[in-house]
N, C-alpha and C. Protein backbone atom coordinates (compact mmCIF):
# COMPACT_ATOMS: atom_id res chain seq x y z
N MET A 1 0.39 -1.29 0.31
CA MET A 1 -0.19 0.41 -0.47
C MET A 1 0.89 1.34 0.44
N ILE A 2 0.39 2.19 -0.79
CA ILE A 2 0.88 3.97 -1.11
C ILE A 2 0.75 4.07 0.21
N LYS A 3 1.11 4.77 1.29
CA LYS A 3 0.92 5.26 2.43
C LYS A 3 0.84 7.28 1.85
N THR A 4 0.03 7.64 2.63
CA THR A 4 -0.27 8.17 1.62
C THR A 4 -0.97 10.22 3.24
N VAL A 5 -0.84 11.31 3.11
CA VAL A 5 -0.97 12.08 3.43
C VAL A 5 -1.20 13.50 2.83
N ILE A 6 -2.87 13.73 2.81
CA ILE A 6 -3.18 15.08 2.10
C ILE A 6 -3.26 16.11 2.90
N ILE A 7 -3.09 17.49 2.26
CA ILE A 7 -2.91 18.53 2.98
C ILE A 7 -3.31 19.76 2.33
N GLU A 8 -4.68 19.74 2.55
CA GLU A 8 -5.59 20.58 2.66
C GLU A 8 -6.37 21.51 3.37
N ASP A 9 -5.89 23.14 3.10
CA ASP A 9 -7.27 23.51 4.47
C ASP A 9 -8.84 23.53 3.62
N ASN A 10 -9.01 23.36 2.14
CA ASN A 10 -10.09 24.09 1.75
C ASN A 10 -11.15 22.19 1.65
N LEU A 11 -12.47 21.79 3.12
CA LEU A 11 -13.17 20.72 3.43
C LEU A 11 -13.79 20.14 1.81
N PHE A 12 -13.79 20.95 0.86
CA PHE A 12 -14.52 20.58 -0.04
C PHE A 12 -13.44 19.46 -0.74
N MET A 13 -12.33 20.00 -0.85
CA MET A 13 -11.22 19.95 -1.58
C MET A 13 -10.77 18.28 -1.58
N GLN A 14 -10.27 18.52 0.20
CA GLN A 14 -9.46 17.48 0.51
C GLN A 14 -10.70 16.28 0.84
N ASN A 15 -11.94 16.13 0.79
CA ASN A 15 -13.42 15.20 0.77
C ASN A 15 -12.62 15.01 -0.68
N HIS A 16 -12.53 15.64 -1.64
CA HIS A 16 -12.29 15.07 -3.22
C HIS A 16 -11.17 14.32 -3.59
N LEU A 17 -10.34 14.66 -3.24
CA LEU A 17 -9.02 14.34 -2.93
C LEU A 17 -8.59 13.26 -2.19
N THR A 18 -9.44 12.90 -1.02
CA THR A 18 -9.36 11.42 -0.96
C THR A 18 -10.01 11.08 -0.68
N GLY A 19 -11.47 11.24 -1.68
CA GLY A 19 -12.09 9.62 -2.13
C GLY A 19 -11.58 9.37 -3.57
N MET A 20 -10.66 10.51 -3.88
CA MET A 20 -10.06 9.85 -5.95
C MET A 20 -9.11 8.93 -5.44
N LEU A 21 -7.99 8.71 -4.25
CA LEU A 21 -7.59 8.26 -4.07
C LEU A 21 -7.61 6.97 -2.98
N SER A 22 -8.64 7.11 -2.03
CA SER A 22 -9.34 5.84 -1.35
C SER A 22 -10.16 5.23 -2.56
N ALA A 23 -10.76 5.33 -3.37
CA ALA A 23 -10.97 4.54 -4.58
C ALA A 23 -10.10 3.26 -5.53
N ASP A 24 -8.88 4.10 -5.10
CA ASP A 24 -7.86 3.19 -6.06
C ASP A 24 -7.27 2.41 -4.76
N GLU A 25 -7.26 0.84 -5.18
CA GLU A 25 -7.00 0.09 -3.67
C GLU A 25 -5.29 0.71 -3.37
N ARG A 26 -5.06 0.87 -4.45
CA ARG A 26 -3.12 0.98 -4.41
C ARG A 26 -2.57 1.77 -2.71
N PHE A 27 -3.43 2.55 -2.72
CA PHE A 27 -3.50 3.81 -2.33
C PHE A 27 -3.93 3.67 -0.12
N LEU A 28 -3.10 3.45 0.52
CA LEU A 28 -4.12 4.34 1.70
C LEU A 28 -3.22 5.23 2.83
N VAL A 29 -5.11 6.59 2.64
CA VAL A 29 -4.72 7.64 3.25
C VAL A 29 -4.62 7.99 4.59
N VAL A 30 -3.30 7.51 5.03
CA VAL A 30 -3.47 7.38 6.62
C VAL A 30 -3.64 9.14 6.95
N SER A 31 -3.79 9.99 6.73
CA SER A 31 -4.38 11.14 7.79
C SER A 31 -4.95 12.37 6.33
N ALA A 32 -5.58 12.58 6.32
CA ALA A 32 -6.23 13.89 5.64
C ALA A 32 -5.67 15.40 7.00
N VAL A 33 -5.21 16.09 6.67
CA VAL A 33 -5.56 17.34 7.33
C VAL A 33 -4.55 19.04 6.87
N ARG A 34 -5.60 19.99 7.59
CA ARG A 34 -5.11 21.11 6.67
C ARG A 34 -4.36 21.92 6.97
N ASP A 35 -3.16 22.12 7.89
CA ASP A 35 -1.76 22.52 8.06
C ASP A 35 -0.62 21.40 7.54
N ALA A 36 -0.36 22.58 7.02
CA ALA A 36 1.15 22.21 5.82
C ALA A 36 2.02 21.46 7.57
N PHE A 37 2.08 22.41 8.44
CA PHE A 37 2.76 21.81 9.10
C PHE A 37 3.01 21.02 10.55
N GLU A 38 1.74 20.55 10.98
CA GLU A 38 1.44 19.21 11.48
C GLU A 38 1.74 17.46 10.38
N ALA A 39 1.68 18.08 9.07
CA ALA A 39 1.38 17.05 8.15
C ALA A 39 3.31 16.74 8.20
N GLU A 40 3.90 17.48 8.64
CA GLU A 40 5.60 17.25 8.70
C GLU A 40 5.74 16.21 10.20
N GLU A 41 4.61 15.82 10.96
CA GLU A 41 5.16 15.33 12.36
C GLU A 41 4.09 14.14 11.50
N ILE A 42 3.53 14.34 11.36
CA ILE A 42 2.40 12.57 10.20
C ILE A 42 3.89 12.01 9.53
N CYS A 43 4.20 12.85 8.29
CA CYS A 43 5.43 11.81 8.03
C CYS A 43 5.96 10.72 8.65
N VAL A 44 6.33 11.27 9.90
CA VAL A 44 7.65 10.84 10.44
C VAL A 44 7.30 9.79 10.94
N SER A 45 6.40 9.94 11.62
CA SER A 45 6.06 8.70 12.46
C SER A 45 5.59 8.02 11.71
N GLU A 46 4.54 8.53 11.16
CA GLU A 46 4.16 7.37 10.68
C GLU A 46 4.95 6.45 9.13
N ASN A 47 6.09 6.68 8.49
CA ASN A 47 6.85 6.69 7.35
C ASN A 47 5.51 6.36 6.35
N ILE A 48 5.57 7.65 5.63
CA ILE A 48 4.61 7.81 4.64
C ILE A 48 4.99 7.66 3.59
N ASP A 49 4.39 7.50 2.48
CA ASP A 49 4.97 7.13 1.05
C ASP A 49 5.14 8.51 -0.21
N LEU A 50 3.49 9.23 -0.65
CA LEU A 50 3.34 10.15 -0.29
C LEU A 50 2.27 11.38 0.52
N VAL A 51 2.74 12.60 -0.45
CA VAL A 51 2.52 13.31 0.40
C VAL A 51 1.36 14.18 -1.02
N LEU A 52 0.14 14.66 -0.58
CA LEU A 52 -0.83 16.22 -1.78
C LEU A 52 -0.22 16.94 -0.74
N MET A 53 0.45 17.82 -1.17
CA MET A 53 0.81 19.33 -0.16
C MET A 53 -0.37 20.23 -1.07
N ASP A 54 -0.77 20.81 -0.29
CA ASP A 54 -1.52 22.40 -0.55
C ASP A 54 -0.35 23.37 -0.10
N VAL A 55 -0.12 25.18 -1.15
CA VAL A 55 0.79 25.47 -0.38
C VAL A 55 -0.19 26.38 0.12
N GLN A 56 -0.43 27.03 0.57
CA GLN A 56 -1.92 28.41 1.29
C GLN A 56 -2.11 27.49 2.52
N THR A 57 -1.92 26.79 3.22
CA THR A 57 -2.95 26.13 4.66
C THR A 57 -2.73 26.94 6.05
N LEU A 58 -3.81 26.48 6.99
CA LEU A 58 -4.01 27.12 7.59
C LEU A 58 -3.08 27.73 8.82
N HIS A 59 -2.88 28.80 9.38
CA HIS A 59 -2.58 29.95 9.63
C HIS A 59 -1.26 29.86 8.76
N ASN A 60 -1.58 30.28 7.64
CA ASN A 60 -1.09 30.30 5.97
C ASN A 60 0.64 30.17 6.07
N HIS A 61 0.77 28.87 6.70
CA HIS A 61 1.48 27.81 6.76
C HIS A 61 2.18 27.48 5.77
N SER A 62 2.97 27.29 4.98
CA SER A 62 3.51 27.61 3.94
C SER A 62 4.20 26.00 4.40
N GLY A 63 2.99 25.10 2.50
CA GLY A 63 2.95 23.31 2.24
C GLY A 63 5.36 24.04 1.17
N ILE A 64 5.34 25.18 0.81
CA ILE A 64 5.94 24.78 -0.04
C ILE A 64 7.70 24.41 1.27
N ALA A 65 7.29 25.58 1.91
CA ALA A 65 8.32 25.36 3.65
C ALA A 65 7.98 23.74 3.62
N ALA A 66 7.48 23.19 4.59
CA ALA A 66 6.74 21.98 4.56
C ALA A 66 7.21 21.26 4.01
N GLY A 67 6.88 21.15 2.15
CA GLY A 67 7.08 19.98 1.54
C GLY A 67 8.85 19.91 1.16
N LYS A 68 9.55 21.33 1.78
CA LYS A 68 10.80 20.57 1.25
C LYS A 68 11.60 20.23 3.08
N ARG A 69 10.99 20.90 3.94
CA ARG A 69 11.17 19.83 5.00
C ARG A 69 11.03 18.28 5.22
N ILE A 70 10.08 17.90 4.54
CA ILE A 70 9.83 17.08 4.46
C ILE A 70 10.50 15.50 3.46
N LYS A 71 11.26 16.88 2.73
CA LYS A 71 12.09 15.86 1.70
C LYS A 71 13.58 15.74 2.32
N GLU A 72 13.91 16.42 3.42
CA GLU A 72 15.05 16.76 3.68
C GLU A 72 15.42 15.54 4.81
N SER A 73 14.19 15.75 5.17
CA SER A 73 14.15 14.36 6.51
C SER A 73 13.56 13.23 6.33
N ARG A 74 13.62 13.41 4.39
CA ARG A 74 12.88 11.74 4.35
C ARG A 74 13.17 11.48 2.78
N LYS A 75 14.45 10.59 2.49
CA LYS A 75 14.26 10.32 1.23
C LYS A 75 14.43 10.14 0.61
N GLY A 76 12.89 8.79 0.89
CA GLY A 76 12.07 7.95 0.36
C GLY A 76 10.56 8.21 0.05
N THR A 77 10.26 10.00 0.55
CA THR A 77 8.76 10.53 0.70
C THR A 77 8.57 11.27 -0.74
N LYS A 78 7.39 11.08 -1.03
CA LYS A 78 7.48 11.67 -2.50
C LYS A 78 6.19 12.83 -2.21
N VAL A 79 6.52 13.99 -2.38
CA VAL A 79 6.23 15.72 -2.29
C VAL A 79 5.75 15.91 -3.69
N VAL A 80 4.06 16.37 -3.98
CA VAL A 80 3.28 16.65 -4.93
C VAL A 80 2.09 18.21 -4.54
N ILE A 81 3.11 18.98 -4.66
CA ILE A 81 2.17 19.95 -5.24
C ILE A 81 1.14 20.74 -5.39
N VAL A 82 -0.03 20.65 -4.90
CA VAL A 82 -1.20 20.48 -5.41
C VAL A 82 -1.90 22.09 -5.15
N THR A 83 -2.40 23.43 -5.49
CA THR A 83 -1.62 24.58 -6.06
C THR A 83 -2.74 25.22 -6.61
N SER A 84 -3.65 26.27 -5.63
CA SER A 84 -4.51 27.33 -7.40
C SER A 84 -3.15 28.60 -7.60
N LEU A 85 -2.06 28.67 -6.23
CA LEU A 85 -1.28 29.68 -6.48
C LEU A 85 -1.33 29.78 -7.91
N ILE A 86 -0.58 30.60 -8.59
CA ILE A 86 -0.13 31.10 -9.95
C ILE A 86 1.37 31.72 -9.70
N ASP A 87 1.77 32.40 -8.96
CA ASP A 87 2.46 32.70 -8.37
C ASP A 87 4.28 31.64 -9.21
N PRO A 88 4.68 32.83 -9.71
CA PRO A 88 5.73 31.93 -10.37
C PRO A 88 6.55 31.54 -9.74
N ASP A 89 6.80 32.19 -8.14
CA ASP A 89 7.48 31.90 -7.44
C ASP A 89 7.40 30.33 -6.77
N VAL A 90 6.33 29.98 -6.08
CA VAL A 90 5.74 28.67 -6.44
C VAL A 90 6.32 27.94 -7.19
N LEU A 91 6.09 27.54 -8.60
CA LEU A 91 7.02 26.50 -9.19
C LEU A 91 7.99 26.83 -9.08
N GLU A 92 8.46 27.68 -8.82
CA GLU A 92 10.64 28.11 -9.16
C GLU A 92 11.02 27.26 -7.54
N LYS A 93 10.36 26.94 -6.72
CA LYS A 93 11.01 27.24 -5.17
C LYS A 93 10.39 25.66 -5.43
N ALA A 94 9.14 25.30 -5.62
CA ALA A 94 8.85 23.26 -5.68
C ALA A 94 10.13 22.99 -6.60
N LYS A 95 10.47 23.26 -7.82
CA LYS A 95 11.10 22.85 -8.74
C LYS A 95 12.80 22.99 -7.99
N LEU A 96 12.84 23.68 -6.79
CA LEU A 96 14.65 23.86 -6.07
C LEU A 96 14.91 23.22 -5.14
N GLY A 97 13.36 22.04 -4.89
CA GLY A 97 13.51 20.50 -4.38
C GLY A 97 12.58 21.38 -2.53
N ALA A 98 11.55 21.69 -3.27
CA ALA A 98 10.23 21.24 -2.20
C ALA A 98 9.06 19.92 -2.36
N ALA A 99 9.42 20.29 -4.20
CA ALA A 99 8.73 19.29 -4.10
C ALA A 99 9.45 18.00 -5.16
N ASP A 100 8.28 16.85 -5.68
CA ASP A 100 8.45 15.86 -6.73
C ASP A 100 7.95 16.14 -7.90
N SER A 101 7.25 16.78 -7.51
CA SER A 101 6.20 17.37 -8.57
C SER A 101 5.02 18.77 -8.69
N LEU A 102 4.50 19.10 -9.12
CA LEU A 102 3.31 19.76 -9.12
C LEU A 102 2.23 20.02 -9.89
N TRP A 103 0.73 19.93 -9.35
CA TRP A 103 -0.12 20.31 -10.10
C TRP A 103 -0.88 21.37 -9.74
N TYR A 104 -1.49 22.37 -11.12
CA TYR A 104 -2.49 23.45 -10.84
C TYR A 104 -3.98 22.56 -10.59
N LYS A 105 -5.05 23.45 -9.36
CA LYS A 105 -6.30 22.78 -9.56
C LYS A 105 -7.18 23.52 -10.41
N ASP A 106 -6.75 24.28 -11.32
CA ASP A 106 -8.00 24.20 -12.87
C ASP A 106 -8.00 23.17 -13.07
N HIS A 107 -7.18 22.12 -13.24
CA HIS A 107 -6.80 21.19 -14.32
C HIS A 107 -7.10 19.68 -13.89
N GLY A 108 -7.53 19.05 -14.47
CA GLY A 108 -8.37 18.07 -14.00
C GLY A 108 -7.63 16.95 -13.14
N THR A 109 -9.06 16.24 -12.26
CA THR A 109 -8.03 15.58 -11.78
C THR A 109 -7.38 13.92 -12.50
N SER A 110 -8.28 13.79 -13.49
CA SER A 110 -6.90 12.56 -14.14
C SER A 110 -6.11 12.92 -14.23
N GLU A 111 -5.48 14.51 -14.40
CA GLU A 111 -3.97 14.73 -15.03
C GLU A 111 -4.23 14.69 -13.32
N LEU A 112 -4.47 15.10 -12.63
CA LEU A 112 -3.57 15.04 -11.31
C LEU A 112 -2.83 13.39 -11.14
N MET A 113 -4.48 12.02 -11.38
CA MET A 113 -3.23 11.10 -11.11
C MET A 113 -2.25 10.70 -12.05
N GLU A 114 -2.38 10.62 -13.17
CA GLU A 114 -0.84 10.84 -14.44
C GLU A 114 0.48 11.77 -13.39
N VAL A 115 0.09 12.76 -12.80
CA VAL A 115 1.45 12.77 -12.03
C VAL A 115 1.65 12.19 -10.99
N ILE A 116 0.41 11.91 -10.36
CA ILE A 116 1.70 10.92 -9.06
C ILE A 116 1.72 9.55 -9.45
N ASN A 117 0.99 8.99 -10.61
CA ASN A 117 1.60 8.11 -10.96
C ASN A 117 3.32 8.01 -11.47
N ARG A 118 3.05 8.48 -12.27
CA ARG A 118 4.59 9.34 -12.94
C ARG A 118 5.40 9.37 -11.65
N THR A 119 5.37 10.14 -11.00
CA THR A 119 6.09 11.17 -9.41
C THR A 119 6.76 10.22 -8.99
N LEU A 120 5.68 8.54 -8.98
CA LEU A 120 5.86 7.73 -7.83
C LEU A 120 6.51 6.46 -8.84
N ASN A 121 6.48 6.71 -10.13
CA ASN A 121 7.53 5.55 -10.64
C ASN A 121 8.79 6.84 -10.75
N GLY A 122 9.40 7.19 -10.13
CA GLY A 122 10.50 8.42 -10.26
C GLY A 122 10.39 9.66 -11.18
N GLU A 123 9.79 9.90 -11.35
CA GLU A 123 9.66 11.39 -12.72
C GLU A 123 9.64 12.47 -11.91
N LYS A 124 9.97 13.58 -12.36
CA LYS A 124 9.99 14.94 -11.59
C LYS A 124 8.39 15.62 -12.83
N VAL A 125 7.66 15.72 -12.40
CA VAL A 125 6.98 16.19 -13.30
C VAL A 125 6.32 17.89 -12.99
N PHE A 126 7.05 18.87 -14.08
CA PHE A 126 6.43 20.39 -13.42
C PHE A 126 5.46 20.74 -14.86
N PRO A 127 5.48 21.88 -14.50
CA PRO A 127 4.80 23.40 -16.10
C PRO A 127 6.37 23.55 -16.72
N ASN A 128 6.29 24.07 -17.23
CA ASN A 128 7.47 24.91 -18.09
C ASN A 128 6.81 26.37 -16.57
N VAL A 129 5.49 27.09 -16.72
CA VAL A 129 5.47 28.27 -16.62
C VAL A 129 3.87 28.01 -15.93
N SER A 130 3.94 29.34 -14.84
CA SER A 130 2.67 28.98 -14.66
C SER A 130 1.51 29.56 -15.12
N PRO A 131 -0.14 28.84 -14.59
CA PRO A 131 -1.09 29.38 -15.75
C PRO A 131 -1.13 30.72 -15.83
N SER A 132 -1.54 31.45 -16.97
CA SER A 132 -1.83 33.03 -17.54
C SER A 132 -3.29 33.47 -16.84
N VAL A 133 -3.68 33.98 -16.48
CA VAL A 133 -4.92 34.67 -15.58
C VAL A 133 -5.74 36.32 -16.77
N GLU A 134 -6.68 36.26 -16.80
CA GLU A 134 -6.97 37.53 -16.78
C GLU A 134 -7.13 38.45 -15.73
N LEU A 135 -6.04 39.16 -15.93
CA LEU A 135 -5.81 40.89 -15.53
C LEU A 135 -6.48 41.87 -16.12
N LYS A 136 -8.42 41.84 -16.35
CA LYS A 136 -8.87 43.15 -16.22
C LYS A 136 -8.50 42.83 -17.88
N ASP A 137 -8.02 44.14 -18.58
CA ASP A 137 -7.86 44.03 -20.32
C ASP A 137 -6.18 43.38 -20.45
N MET A 138 -5.74 42.55 -19.55
CA MET A 138 -4.03 41.94 -20.01
C MET A 138 -4.15 40.66 -18.96
N LEU A 139 -3.41 40.10 -20.18
CA LEU A 139 -3.09 38.42 -18.89
C LEU A 139 -1.08 38.73 -18.02
N SER A 140 -1.46 37.81 -17.13
CA SER A 140 -0.92 37.81 -16.21
C SER A 140 0.49 37.42 -16.38
N SER A 141 0.49 36.50 -18.30
CA SER A 141 2.12 36.06 -18.81
C SER A 141 2.29 37.38 -19.68
N ASP A 142 1.71 38.52 -19.49
CA ASP A 142 2.00 40.10 -20.30
C ASP A 142 3.26 40.38 -19.78
N ILE A 143 3.02 39.76 -18.41
CA ILE A 143 3.94 40.78 -17.17
C ILE A 143 5.71 39.97 -16.71
N THR A 144 6.15 41.10 -17.26
CA THR A 144 7.48 40.76 -17.32
C THR A 144 7.86 40.58 -15.70
N PRO A 145 9.18 38.84 -15.63
CA PRO A 145 9.68 38.53 -14.25
C PRO A 145 10.20 39.88 -13.78
N ARG A 146 10.87 40.82 -13.92
CA ARG A 146 11.01 42.40 -13.48
C ARG A 146 9.98 42.64 -12.88
N GLN A 147 9.01 43.21 -14.16
CA GLN A 147 7.66 43.67 -13.41
C GLN A 147 6.99 43.02 -11.96
N ILE A 148 6.87 41.69 -12.37
CA ILE A 148 6.75 40.40 -10.92
C ILE A 148 7.38 40.95 -9.81
N ASP A 149 9.22 41.17 -9.72
CA ASP A 149 9.86 41.62 -8.82
C ASP A 149 9.27 43.04 -8.30
N ILE A 150 8.96 43.87 -9.21
CA ILE A 150 8.68 45.12 -8.30
C ILE A 150 6.94 44.85 -7.83
N LEU A 151 6.27 44.07 -8.36
CA LEU A 151 4.73 44.30 -7.71
C LEU A 151 5.14 43.26 -6.68
N ARG A 152 5.52 41.79 -6.41
CA ARG A 152 5.64 41.55 -5.43
C ARG A 152 6.13 42.16 -4.05
N ARG A 153 6.84 43.60 -3.99
CA ARG A 153 7.85 44.08 -3.31
C ARG A 153 7.02 45.46 -3.04
N PHE A 154 5.98 45.74 -4.02
CA PHE A 154 5.35 47.09 -3.71
C PHE A 154 3.37 46.51 -2.91
N VAL A 155 3.44 44.57 -3.10
CA VAL A 155 2.83 44.44 -2.26
C VAL A 155 2.58 44.05 -0.67
N LYS A 156 3.69 43.90 -1.11
CA LYS A 156 4.47 44.09 0.75
C LYS A 156 4.59 45.42 1.48
N GLY A 157 4.36 46.37 0.45
CA GLY A 157 4.53 48.11 0.66
C GLY A 157 5.55 48.15 1.06
N MET A 158 7.04 48.36 0.09
CA MET A 158 7.66 49.22 0.40
C MET A 158 7.37 50.45 -0.72
N THR A 159 8.32 51.34 -0.19
CA THR A 159 8.03 52.28 -1.62
C THR A 159 9.19 52.42 -2.51
N TYR A 160 9.17 52.96 -3.58
CA TYR A 160 9.47 52.45 -4.86
C TYR A 160 11.02 53.36 -4.73
N ASP A 161 11.64 53.93 -3.18
CA ASP A 161 13.04 54.31 -3.13
C ASP A 161 13.70 53.04 -2.81
N GLU A 162 13.02 51.64 -1.99
CA GLU A 162 12.89 50.69 -0.81
C GLU A 162 12.88 49.85 -2.51
N ILE A 163 12.53 49.97 -3.63
CA ILE A 163 11.85 48.33 -4.49
C ILE A 163 13.18 49.04 -5.16
N ALA A 164 13.84 50.43 -5.64
CA ALA A 164 14.36 50.47 -6.42
C ALA A 164 16.41 49.96 -5.60
N ALA A 165 15.95 50.40 -4.82
CA ALA A 165 16.96 50.30 -3.67
C ALA A 165 17.80 48.23 -4.08
N ASP A 166 16.72 48.24 -3.99
CA ASP A 166 16.68 46.23 -3.46
C ASP A 166 16.97 45.72 -4.95
N LEU A 167 16.07 46.32 -6.53
CA LEU A 167 16.48 45.60 -7.56
C LEU A 167 17.81 46.27 -8.44
N ASN A 168 17.92 46.90 -7.57
CA ASN A 168 18.86 48.15 -8.23
C ASN A 168 18.86 48.90 -9.76
N LEU A 169 17.22 49.24 -9.23
CA LEU A 169 16.91 50.52 -10.33
C LEU A 169 16.74 52.18 -10.05
N SER A 170 16.56 52.54 -11.24
CA SER A 170 16.19 53.72 -10.53
C SER A 170 14.73 53.62 -9.95
N LYS A 171 14.31 55.00 -9.13
CA LYS A 171 13.19 55.50 -8.67
C LYS A 171 12.14 55.72 -10.07
N ASN A 172 12.41 56.67 -10.93
CA ASN A 172 11.96 56.37 -11.83
C ASN A 172 11.63 55.25 -12.81
N GLY A 173 12.37 54.28 -12.66
CA GLY A 173 11.93 53.04 -13.54
C GLY A 173 10.00 52.15 -12.35
N VAL A 174 11.05 52.82 -11.58
CA VAL A 174 9.91 51.32 -10.86
C VAL A 174 8.75 52.45 -10.83
N ARG A 175 8.52 53.27 -11.43
CA ARG A 175 7.57 54.20 -11.19
C ARG A 175 6.74 54.27 -13.34
N TRP A 176 8.13 53.85 -13.56
CA TRP A 176 7.87 53.68 -15.08
C TRP A 176 6.99 52.10 -15.52
N ASN A 177 7.19 51.28 -14.44
CA ASN A 177 7.03 49.70 -14.93
C ASN A 177 5.53 49.50 -14.07
N LEU A 178 4.97 50.10 -13.70
CA LEU A 178 4.10 50.68 -12.11
C LEU A 178 2.86 50.65 -13.32
N ASP A 179 3.12 52.35 -13.93
CA ASP A 179 2.19 53.05 -14.79
C ASP A 179 2.11 52.31 -15.77
N GLN A 180 3.05 51.18 -16.59
CA GLN A 180 2.67 50.62 -17.69
C GLN A 180 1.49 49.21 -17.06
N LEU A 181 2.20 48.58 -15.88
CA LEU A 181 1.18 48.22 -16.34
C LEU A 181 -0.50 48.48 -15.72
N VAL A 182 -0.79 49.61 -15.51
CA VAL A 182 -1.64 50.53 -14.87
C VAL A 182 -2.16 50.13 -16.08
N GLU A 183 -1.48 50.80 -17.12
CA GLU A 183 -1.79 51.40 -18.40
C GLU A 183 -2.64 50.19 -19.30
N LYS A 184 -1.69 49.26 -19.30
CA LYS A 184 -1.86 47.65 -20.55
C LYS A 184 -3.30 47.34 -19.30
N GLY A 185 -3.05 47.20 -18.26
CA GLY A 185 -4.40 46.61 -18.24
C GLY A 185 -5.71 46.77 -17.80
N GLY A 186 -5.80 48.16 -18.04
CA GLY A 186 -6.66 49.81 -17.83
C GLY A 186 -7.16 49.90 -16.89
N PHE A 187 -5.90 49.35 -15.84
CA PHE A 187 -6.75 49.93 -14.30
C PHE A 187 -6.91 51.51 -13.97
N GLN A 188 -7.48 51.69 -13.21
CA GLN A 188 -7.77 52.94 -12.81
C GLN A 188 -6.66 53.68 -12.41
N ASN A 189 -5.61 52.86 -10.99
CA ASN A 189 -5.29 53.58 -10.24
C ASN A 189 -4.15 51.71 -9.77
N LYS A 190 -3.02 52.38 -9.72
CA LYS A 190 -2.41 51.10 -8.46
C LYS A 190 -2.44 50.72 -7.93
N HIS A 191 -4.28 50.73 -6.95
CA HIS A 191 -3.97 49.73 -6.05
C HIS A 191 -5.01 49.28 -6.48
N GLU A 192 -5.61 49.67 -7.61
CA GLU A 192 -6.39 48.75 -8.27
C GLU A 192 -5.88 47.13 -9.28
N LEU A 193 -4.78 47.98 -9.84
CA LEU A 193 -3.99 46.57 -10.01
C LEU A 193 -3.28 45.56 -9.26
N LEU A 194 -2.84 46.29 -7.93
CA LEU A 194 -2.90 44.98 -6.58
C LEU A 194 -3.74 44.27 -6.30
N ALA A 195 -4.72 44.47 -6.32
CA ALA A 195 -6.47 44.04 -5.99
C ALA A 195 -6.39 43.07 -6.71
N ALA A 196 -6.15 43.21 -7.87
CA ALA A 196 -6.40 42.60 -9.04
C ALA A 196 -5.17 41.27 -9.03
N VAL A 197 -3.68 41.92 -8.62
CA VAL A 197 -3.14 40.63 -8.25
C VAL A 197 -2.98 39.74 -7.27
N ILE A 198 -3.88 40.16 -6.04
CA ILE A 198 -3.35 39.56 -5.14
C ILE A 198 -5.07 39.00 -5.27
N GLU A 199 -5.89 39.12 -5.69
CA GLU A 199 -7.24 38.59 -6.20
C GLU A 199 -6.87 37.27 -6.66
N ASN A 200 -6.05 37.28 -7.91
CA ASN A 200 -6.07 36.18 -8.63
C ASN A 200 -4.99 35.16 -8.42
N LYS A 201 -4.14 35.81 -7.22
CA LYS A 201 -3.38 34.93 -6.60
C LYS A 201 -1.74 34.68 -7.95
N LEU A 202 -1.86 35.39 -8.57
CA LEU A 202 -0.54 36.03 -9.05
C LEU A 202 0.66 36.53 -8.25
N ILE A 203 0.21 37.01 -6.78
CA ILE A 203 1.89 37.54 -6.02
C ILE A 203 0.64 36.79 -4.24
N VAL A 204 2.02 36.72 -3.97
CA VAL A 204 2.17 35.65 -2.63
C VAL A 204 2.48 35.64 -1.67
N THR A 205 2.57 36.42 -0.68
CA THR A 205 3.68 37.58 0.21
C THR A 205 3.22 37.37 1.48
N THR A 206 2.50 36.19 2.02
CA THR A 206 1.71 36.55 3.30
C THR A 206 2.85 34.59 3.48
N LEU A 207 2.05 33.61 3.06
CA LEU A 207 2.98 32.58 3.88
C LEU A 207 3.72 32.66 4.71
N GLU A 208 3.51 31.96 5.62
CA GLU A 208 4.96 31.61 7.18
C GLU A 208 5.88 30.43 6.92
N GLU A 209 7.01 30.35 7.00
CA GLU A 209 7.79 29.45 6.66
C GLU A 209 7.91 28.69 8.21
């Protein structure tokens, strides 16, 4: 049996994933919890083979951080990130050791089973890029990596001067990039832009590691 832990703070999704795996006789769902940090203890005590890990879990505990610690402490445990967050930073950190594979929730669950099976067979399954979503009049894929870096710091409340110093840009360069995004997206102002970015989960800055 493939001993499995499911970490998902949305109870509807948690029940769906539990039912999907329980219907397959190969899997034994040992536990389904809402908190990524709680799952770390379970993985050690129960000798878990597979972890399906949400990213933004109860108390804003980071599934990315928990997944990385699980993989470091239990070399044989496979971690599959299951997320709706399209923040490119999530995908990048998953690829850099926090997980064996990643699946986006807007894709079908039949694809998830394929990802799980391939992962258990030793593959690492990651999309090349995070999904693109509409941000009013533009797509999130229209935003450059540098503009993502600027937005991430702006969401955190950093000033233009602080962002400029952190990214080795001029203050005018920071302002120009934000103004370009406001204009391209058809937003009334930067606050409307930020609201769209946060609502669509393009930038996530609240995860606790």
